[in-house]
Structures are given as structure tokens and as C-alpha cells.
């Protein structure tokens, strides 16, 4: 989806808002105990479910 310029522009704005809320993509919990987990589609729009599963394990230390 980030290959779509209009989507990418909106995503940058969302990231700015998340940072204001104390959230970093795939980072630690904020003061409220919230965490932001993100993933990216491949250029062809597909997702790699095994990679996402491992990412979740890494972020949550499972």
C-alpha cells in the first residue's frame, strides 16, 4: 500500500499522530500500556503471514 502515494502521505500523518500518543511502530508500550504493531505489504500488495507472525512474537517477546 505504501507504493500508493496518497496512502503513503496519509500514513506519514498517522505516524506523526501515533508518536504524539507515545507510540512507536513495533516499539514498547506507552504510558497507557498501549503498543503499536505495524506491518508492510509487499510491493505486489501481498502479505507474508509467517513474517508478521514472527514480528508479533518479537514485539511481544513471545
Foldseek 3Di string as FASTA:
>chain_A
DCVPVVVVVVVVVVQVVCVVVVEDALAAAGPVRDYHHDDDADPVRHDDVVVSVVSVCVSVVD
